[in-house]
C-alpha cells in the first residue's frame, strides 16, 4: 500500500477522535473508556458529514487487517496479572460472555438498520 497525504489525514482523523475521547473521559470521569467515546465522536462526525470516504475506508481496512499485532501488548499484560486473573476469573468470564453477546446483538441491529437504509437509497 502506497501512503499519500490523504491517508495520513485519515489516520490523523482517527487518532484525533481517540484523543478527544480520552480527553472527555479524563475531564468528565464517564465510565466509558476514552477509545469508546472516540468511536462515538467518529460516528457522530460520519453521520453529520455524510459522503464517500474511500481513504478512511482504505486506512481502516489496513488497520483491521493488522489488528492481531495490536493485541500483543494486551496479551503480555494479561500474563503479568496471573494472580488477579485467578482471583477474579469467573467474573471476568461472565463479563466477557455477556459483553460478547451484547456486541453480537448490537452488531446485528446496526447491520439491519444499515441494510434497510441502503435499500431505501439513503
Protein backbone atom coordinates (compact mmCIF):
# COMPACT_ATOMS: atom_id res chain seq x y z
CA UNK A 1 0.00 0.00 0.00
CA UNK A 2 1.43 3.36 -1.01
CA UNK A 3 0.93 6.06 1.60
CA UNK A 4 -0.10 9.53 0.49
CA UNK A 5 -1.23 12.71 2.29
CA UNK A 6 -4.92 11.75 2.25
CA UNK A 7 -4.09 8.57 4.16
CA UNK A 8 -2.08 10.49 6.73
CA UNK A 9 -5.08 12.81 7.14
CA UNK A 10 -7.37 9.80 7.63
CA UNK A 11 -5.06 8.36 10.30
CA UNK A 12 -4.89 11.78 11.94
CA UNK A 13 -8.71 11.89 11.98
CA UNK A 14 -8.90 8.51 13.71
CA UNK A 15 -6.24 9.49 16.24
CA UNK A 16 -7.88 12.87 16.88
CA UNK A 17 -11.20 11.18 17.64
CA UNK A 18 -9.45 8.84 20.07
CA UNK A 19 -7.54 11.71 21.68
CA UNK A 20 -10.72 13.75 22.11
CA UNK A 21 -12.46 10.70 23.57
CA UNK A 22 -9.62 10.21 26.06
CA UNK A 23 -9.79 13.90 26.97
CA UNK A 24 -13.55 13.73 27.53
CA UNK A 25 -13.06 10.64 29.69
CA UNK A 26 -10.40 12.32 31.82
CA UNK A 27 -12.35 15.58 32.19
CA UNK A 28 -15.77 14.08 32.91
CA UNK A 29 -14.93 10.77 34.58
CA UNK A 30 -17.52 8.98 32.46
CA UNK A 31 -17.48 5.21 33.00
CA UNK A 32 -16.77 4.61 29.29
CA UNK A 33 -13.19 4.21 28.05
CA UNK A 34 -11.81 7.10 26.04
CA UNK A 35 -11.46 4.90 22.97
CA UNK A 36 -15.20 4.14 23.04
CA UNK A 37 -16.03 7.82 23.44
CA UNK A 38 -13.71 8.50 20.50
CA UNK A 39 -15.60 5.95 18.40
CA UNK A 40 -18.84 7.74 19.25
CA UNK A 41 -17.25 11.03 18.18
CA UNK A 42 -16.14 9.44 14.90
CA UNK A 43 -19.63 8.02 14.35
CA UNK A 44 -21.15 11.44 15.02
CA UNK A 45 -18.76 13.07 12.56
CA UNK A 46 -19.56 10.46 9.90
CA UNK A 47 -23.31 10.94 10.41
CA UNK A 48 -23.12 14.74 10.38
CA UNK A 49 -20.98 14.83 7.24
CA UNK A 50 -22.32 12.04 5.03
CA UNK A 51 -20.47 11.08 1.90
CA UNK A 52 -17.91 8.73 0.46
CA UNK A 53 -14.61 8.49 2.32
CA UNK A 54 -12.55 5.98 0.33
CA UNK A 55 -9.28 6.92 2.04
CA UNK A 56 -10.74 6.46 5.52
CA UNK A 57 -12.16 3.12 4.41
CA UNK A 58 -8.78 2.06 3.00
CA UNK A 59 -6.88 3.06 6.15
CA UNK A 60 -9.47 1.36 8.37
CA UNK A 61 -9.23 -1.82 6.29
CA UNK A 62 -5.44 -1.79 6.60
CA UNK A 63 -5.63 -1.31 10.38
CA UNK A 64 -8.21 -4.09 10.66
CA UNK A 65 -6.01 -6.44 8.61
CA UNK A 66 -3.16 -5.86 11.08
CA UNK A 67 -5.33 -5.91 14.20
CA UNK A 68 -3.74 -9.05 15.64
CA UNK A 69 -0.43 -7.23 16.11
CA UNK A 70 -2.20 -4.66 18.28
CA UNK A 71 -3.26 -7.35 20.77
CA UNK A 72 0.30 -8.39 21.65
CA UNK A 73 0.81 -5.76 24.40
CA UNK A 74 -2.55 -6.66 25.96
CA UNK A 75 -1.65 -10.36 25.97
CA UNK A 76 1.68 -9.65 27.67
CA UNK A 77 -0.15 -7.56 30.26
CA UNK A 78 -2.53 -10.43 30.98
CA UNK A 79 0.35 -12.82 31.56
CA UNK A 80 1.77 -10.46 34.18
CA UNK A 81 -1.59 -10.31 36.01
CA UNK A 82 -1.88 -14.04 36.78
CA UNK A 83 -2.88 -13.69 40.47
CA UNK A 84 -5.56 -11.12 39.67
CA UNK A 85 -6.95 -13.37 36.95
CA UNK A 86 -7.01 -16.32 39.35
CA UNK A 87 -8.99 -14.35 41.95
CA UNK A 88 -11.48 -12.83 39.51
CA UNK A 89 -11.58 -15.46 36.76
CA UNK A 90 -15.28 -16.34 37.00
CA UNK A 91 -16.38 -12.69 36.99
CA UNK A 92 -14.11 -11.97 34.03
CA UNK A 93 -15.50 -14.92 32.05
CA UNK A 94 -19.11 -13.92 32.81
CA UNK A 95 -18.46 -10.29 31.87
CA UNK A 96 -16.70 -11.36 28.67
CA UNK A 97 -19.56 -13.65 27.63
CA UNK A 98 -22.20 -11.03 28.42
CA UNK A 99 -20.36 -8.30 26.54
CA UNK A 100 -19.79 -10.62 23.57
CA UNK A 101 -23.49 -11.45 23.36
CA UNK A 102 -24.38 -7.78 23.65
CA UNK A 103 -21.87 -6.92 20.92
CA UNK A 104 -23.31 -9.55 18.58
CA UNK A 105 -26.86 -8.29 19.21
CA UNK A 106 -25.94 -4.63 18.65
CA UNK A 107 -23.94 -5.53 15.54
CA UNK A 108 -26.94 -7.40 14.11
CA UNK A 109 -29.23 -4.44 14.80
CA UNK A 110 -26.83 -1.95 13.22
CA UNK A 111 -26.40 -4.24 10.20
CA UNK A 112 -30.18 -4.50 9.76
CA UNK A 113 -30.50 -0.71 10.08
CA UNK A 114 -27.71 -0.10 7.54
CA UNK A 115 -29.13 -2.65 5.12
CA UNK A 116 -32.61 -1.11 5.32
CA UNK A 117 -31.12 2.35 4.80
CA UNK A 118 -29.14 1.13 1.79
CA UNK A 119 -32.23 -0.48 0.25
CA UNK A 120 -34.13 2.82 0.64
CA UNK A 121 -31.31 4.52 -1.23
CA UNK A 122 -30.37 6.90 1.58
